[in-house]
Every structure is written in structure tokens, then in C-alpha cells.
């Protein structure tokens, strides 16, 4: 192998030495990578393997229909992390309650929150999907983790990232010291560094949002999208619309190219007046990543990473991407409050 190629294992060990780590976080990340490889193998064979596509017939805690691969991925990540002795508690978008580490396994100092398969409704049509994760240090002393360990603000994240399963499999993560992208080399089965120290452009040319929700948007949001489509905006030319409908895919493109992703509050569902995306499993980890790359993440009114969670499955609006674009949206969003 070319000695200029940096494997993920080599990178992790270098970072551990550089920052004087004990190796606990490295062990957790290694297990997340292992689980991602297992899931990636299933995703790549989804059209060939019987009983892996489609719905289970059940609904998750959010009332959404569970895909078979959702359920599979959830089990893979839980099983990969619950025995290593580095984690005190976990929580998953697919589970109604905290995931308690079995009593026969030792407990560690970290908390892992994850969405095992974001965008899973796109599996059947071969659209990019992904896994999102956030890792905290526990706030309780020892023993089993508690709800207090899970309900921490995003600003306290120790590390976060995502894996995107597409034409190539990419791992993107940060520990608060920049963002790096690794690509899975299928010939050797290892992730290698492909985009070091990623920086998102301060302003992009792309906006990503589900415009089918336009009738339910508030005044400021409607005016902002109209502004982006016009020549009155800061660029002096209309933004390009690119919406995949898979959060990790839309976010990943904008992280590399610049742009803004919007899932704002709307009036479509009175039961979900404050947004659709999950604070702990989607918004916080991606907000941590984008800020480390020089971007910004907001509800339209406040920084995502400053929100104190009230419950495991709390939903929030999410406006995320290039910093100048997100801050500009916040100016328009003031009209939503009038």
C-alpha cells in the first residue's frame, strides 16, 4: 500500500497520541466502523437478499413505519457497542427508551446516540442513506447510565459523525478538532483518508428543502425561498435547488460544495409544531460536524448546539449549512414570529 495513504486506524492512533487519549473513544469509533461495514454490506446487496427490503409492518416511537433494514441496522449497532466496556448507555431513534448496557458487561464513561439508518424509506429506490452518531462523556459518576447522561446539549458532544452508504461508503467525523472524510476501499476493506480538514464554503449556491411543504411554511420562510430563487439575493443569481430527501445525502453534498439545508417549522401537523428532525440523533451530531467545518446550524431562532433536550425523541426545525446562508435565513425567520 502507498505509504502516503492514511488508514482510519492509523489516523485514530495518531490523534490518540496527539491529544493524550486513553483509547476509549478510539474503541467506540472502531466498533461503529465495524457496524457500518456490516450495514454497508447489507445495503449493497439489498436488491439481492430476500426479506431485507420493505417494511416490517411495525411503527417506531415516532409513529413511522419501520423498514426491515432499519431494524437490522439498529441491532447491529447495539450489539457492536454494548459489550466493549466503554459505554454506559445508548439511545437510538428506533428505540422508545434508553438502551441499557446488559448487567454482565462493564460500563464505561461514554454515551452513544445514533440514528442507525437515516433516509431508510429510500432504500427500495437505491438512494443514498446513512448512519448518524453522537458521542458524549457521561455526567453521572459511575454504574449504569441515566437519562441525564443522554439529555445533554449538543455543545457537550465529545465526537460526532455519519456514514453515508452510496456509490462509495464515506465516514465523516470530528472530535472537535476539524472534520475529516474517509472512504471505504472495498479492495482491502479499510477506510482511508480521502478529504482531510474539510471546510464548508461560507456561502453556497445550493438550497435543499422539500418544497412540497411550501403551503404550510410561515411567512419568513416563504419569502426566504423566493429570495433565493431571484436575482435579488446576495449572489445576484438564483440558487440551484437540490433535494434528495435523505438528510445525510443532502448534508454531505452541501458540506463539500456549500449550501443550505432547510427543514423549517411548518403548520402541516399540529402534533409536531416545532419541527420534524430529531435533536439528539440527527440535528446535534450534524450541527457539531458543520460547526467544526466552519458552518452553522440553527432552528431559525437559536443555535442547535445550545438547546437543552427535554426528552429523548425531541424534534426541532433544522437549518444547516454554509454559515452566511444560515445566518441570512435567521433574518427572514424573524417574520415568522410576527
Foldseek 3Di string as FASTA:
>chain_A
DPPVWAFPVNVVVVVCVVVVHPCLVVLLVVLVLVLVLVLLVCLVCVVPDPPQADFPPDAAPVRHTHTSSQVVQVVSSCVSPLAPQAAQWEEESRHPDIHGRDPVHHHHFKYKYKHRWFPRVCSVVQFKIKMWMWMAGAPDDGHHGDVNRQQAFLVRTQKIWMWIRHPWIWTWMDRLQAIWIWTQDVVVRTTITDGGRQAFALAAQEEEDDCVQVVFDFDLVNVLQVCQQACNDPVSHHGHYDYDPGVVVVLVVCSRGNYKYWQAATDPDPVQRATDAFLRHPQSRSQSNNVSNVWAKDNLAGGSSPDRDPDRGDGHIIMIHNHVSSVVSSVSCVSRVD
